[in-house]
Amino acid sequence: MPIQIERVNPAGTTQPTAYTQVVRAGKTLYFAGQTAVNEKGELIGKGDMRAQVRQVYENLK
């Protein structure tokens, strides 16, 4: 049975034109281009890696 592939650019994030931010292939997720920006495009946690990682995970929800 072929693996189903779904491409997703989550709402509220930047919308790239050259790639897809999330690809689901079967039960596996692949992420690309994730940055610590909010829905306004503002960088969250400048100089604070932990805050930036939290923002990336928030963006992926």
N, C-alpha and C. Protein backbone atom coordinates (compact mmCIF):
# COMPACT_ATOMS: atom_id res chain seq x y z
N MET A 1 0.84 -1.17 0.00
CA MET A 1 0.00 0.00 0.00
C MET A 1 0.89 1.25 0.00
N PRO A 2 0.64 2.22 -0.89
CA PRO A 2 1.46 3.43 -0.94
C PRO A 2 1.28 4.29 0.31
N ILE A 3 2.35 4.97 0.69
CA ILE A 3 2.29 5.88 1.84
C ILE A 3 1.59 7.16 1.42
N GLN A 4 0.64 7.61 2.24
CA GLN A 4 -0.05 8.86 1.97
C GLN A 4 0.84 10.02 2.42
N ILE A 5 0.99 11.02 1.56
CA ILE A 5 1.82 12.18 1.86
C ILE A 5 0.93 13.42 1.92
N GLU A 6 1.09 14.18 3.01
CA GLU A 6 0.32 15.41 3.21
C GLU A 6 1.31 16.55 3.47
N ARG A 7 1.14 17.65 2.75
CA ARG A 7 2.00 18.83 2.93
C ARG A 7 1.19 19.92 3.63
N VAL A 8 1.80 20.54 4.67
CA VAL A 8 1.08 21.51 5.49
C VAL A 8 1.94 22.74 5.76
N ASN A 9 1.36 23.91 5.59
CA ASN A 9 1.94 25.17 6.07
C ASN A 9 0.95 25.70 7.10
N PRO A 10 1.26 25.55 8.40
CA PRO A 10 0.31 25.90 9.45
C PRO A 10 -0.16 27.35 9.37
N ALA A 11 -1.44 27.57 9.64
CA ALA A 11 -1.99 28.92 9.70
C ALA A 11 -1.29 29.70 10.81
N GLY A 12 -1.11 30.99 10.60
CA GLY A 12 -0.49 31.83 11.60
C GLY A 12 1.02 31.85 11.55
N THR A 13 1.61 31.12 10.60
CA THR A 13 3.07 31.13 10.44
C THR A 13 3.40 31.74 9.09
N THR A 14 4.66 32.04 8.87
CA THR A 14 5.05 32.55 7.55
C THR A 14 4.72 31.50 6.50
N GLN A 15 4.34 31.95 5.34
CA GLN A 15 3.94 31.03 4.27
C GLN A 15 5.02 31.02 3.18
N PRO A 16 5.96 30.08 3.26
CA PRO A 16 7.04 30.04 2.28
C PRO A 16 6.52 29.66 0.89
N THR A 17 7.23 30.10 -0.12
CA THR A 17 6.82 29.78 -1.49
C THR A 17 7.64 28.65 -2.10
N ALA A 18 8.83 28.38 -1.55
CA ALA A 18 9.73 27.41 -2.18
C ALA A 18 9.72 26.04 -1.51
N TYR A 19 9.04 25.89 -0.39
CA TYR A 19 9.03 24.60 0.31
C TYR A 19 7.80 24.52 1.21
N THR A 20 7.57 23.36 1.79
CA THR A 20 6.48 23.14 2.73
C THR A 20 7.07 22.98 4.12
N GLN A 21 6.45 23.63 5.11
CA GLN A 21 6.99 23.59 6.47
C GLN A 21 6.85 22.23 7.14
N VAL A 22 5.78 21.52 6.86
CA VAL A 22 5.54 20.22 7.48
C VAL A 22 5.09 19.23 6.41
N VAL A 23 5.69 18.06 6.41
CA VAL A 23 5.25 16.97 5.53
C VAL A 23 4.96 15.77 6.39
N ARG A 24 3.78 15.21 6.23
CA ARG A 24 3.41 13.97 6.93
C ARG A 24 3.44 12.86 5.89
N ALA A 25 4.29 11.88 6.14
CA ALA A 25 4.40 10.70 5.27
C ALA A 25 4.06 9.50 6.13
N GLY A 26 2.84 8.99 5.96
CA GLY A 26 2.38 7.92 6.85
C GLY A 26 2.26 8.46 8.26
N LYS A 27 2.97 7.85 9.21
CA LYS A 27 2.93 8.28 10.61
C LYS A 27 4.14 9.14 11.00
N THR A 28 4.96 9.53 10.01
CA THR A 28 6.17 10.30 10.28
C THR A 28 5.97 11.75 9.86
N LEU A 29 6.42 12.68 10.71
CA LEU A 29 6.37 14.11 10.40
C LEU A 29 7.78 14.62 10.13
N TYR A 30 7.91 15.44 9.10
CA TYR A 30 9.17 16.10 8.76
C TYR A 30 8.94 17.61 8.84
N PHE A 31 9.83 18.33 9.53
CA PHE A 31 9.69 19.76 9.71
C PHE A 31 10.83 20.49 9.01
N ALA A 32 10.53 21.68 8.46
CA ALA A 32 11.56 22.51 7.83
C ALA A 32 11.23 23.97 8.06
N GLY A 33 12.26 24.78 8.16
CA GLY A 33 12.07 26.22 8.21
C GLY A 33 11.36 26.76 9.43
N GLN A 34 11.44 26.07 10.54
CA GLN A 34 10.76 26.54 11.75
C GLN A 34 11.61 27.60 12.44
N THR A 35 11.00 28.73 12.74
CA THR A 35 11.69 29.82 13.42
C THR A 35 10.85 30.29 14.60
N ALA A 36 11.49 31.01 15.50
CA ALA A 36 10.84 31.45 16.74
C ALA A 36 10.15 32.80 16.54
N VAL A 37 9.23 32.86 15.60
CA VAL A 37 8.47 34.09 15.38
C VAL A 37 7.01 33.84 15.71
N ASN A 38 6.33 34.90 16.17
CA ASN A 38 4.91 34.78 16.46
C ASN A 38 4.10 35.09 15.21
N GLU A 39 2.77 35.13 15.35
CA GLU A 39 1.90 35.34 14.20
C GLU A 39 2.07 36.73 13.58
N LYS A 40 2.69 37.67 14.31
CA LYS A 40 2.96 39.01 13.78
C LYS A 40 4.32 39.08 13.09
N GLY A 41 5.08 37.97 13.11
CA GLY A 41 6.40 37.94 12.51
C GLY A 41 7.50 38.45 13.42
N GLU A 42 7.19 38.64 14.70
CA GLU A 42 8.17 39.14 15.67
C GLU A 42 8.98 37.99 16.25
N LEU A 43 10.30 38.18 16.37
CA LEU A 43 11.17 37.18 16.98
C LEU A 43 10.86 37.08 18.46
N ILE A 44 10.68 35.87 18.95
CA ILE A 44 10.42 35.62 20.36
C ILE A 44 11.68 35.04 20.99
N GLY A 45 12.10 35.60 22.12
CA GLY A 45 13.22 35.04 22.88
C GLY A 45 14.59 35.35 22.32
N LYS A 46 14.81 36.58 21.85
CA LYS A 46 16.13 36.94 21.33
C LYS A 46 17.19 36.64 22.38
N GLY A 47 18.18 35.82 22.02
CA GLY A 47 19.26 35.44 22.93
C GLY A 47 18.89 34.37 23.94
N ASP A 48 17.68 33.83 23.84
CA ASP A 48 17.19 32.83 24.80
C ASP A 48 16.73 31.59 24.04
N MET A 49 17.63 30.62 23.90
CA MET A 49 17.34 29.42 23.11
C MET A 49 16.10 28.68 23.61
N ARG A 50 15.94 28.57 24.92
CA ARG A 50 14.79 27.87 25.49
C ARG A 50 13.48 28.53 25.06
N ALA A 51 13.41 29.86 25.14
CA ALA A 51 12.21 30.58 24.74
C ALA A 51 11.95 30.40 23.24
N GLN A 52 13.01 30.38 22.45
CA GLN A 52 12.85 30.19 21.02
C GLN A 52 12.31 28.80 20.69
N VAL A 53 12.83 27.79 21.37
CA VAL A 53 12.34 26.42 21.14
C VAL A 53 10.88 26.32 21.55
N ARG A 54 10.52 26.93 22.67
CA ARG A 54 9.11 26.92 23.10
C ARG A 54 8.22 27.55 22.03
N GLN A 55 8.67 28.66 21.44
CA GLN A 55 7.87 29.32 20.42
C GLN A 55 7.73 28.43 19.18
N VAL A 56 8.80 27.76 18.78
CA VAL A 56 8.72 26.85 17.64
C VAL A 56 7.67 25.77 17.91
N TYR A 57 7.70 25.18 19.11
CA TYR A 57 6.71 24.15 19.44
C TYR A 57 5.30 24.73 19.47
N GLU A 58 5.15 25.96 19.95
CA GLU A 58 3.82 26.60 19.92
C GLU A 58 3.35 26.75 18.48
N ASN A 59 4.26 27.13 17.60
CA ASN A 59 3.90 27.30 16.19
C ASN A 59 3.48 25.98 15.55
N LEU A 60 4.00 24.88 16.05
CA LEU A 60 3.69 23.57 15.47
C LEU A 60 2.38 22.98 15.97
N LYS A 61 1.82 23.54 17.03
CA LYS A 61 0.57 22.98 17.58
C LYS A 61 -0.57 23.11 16.60
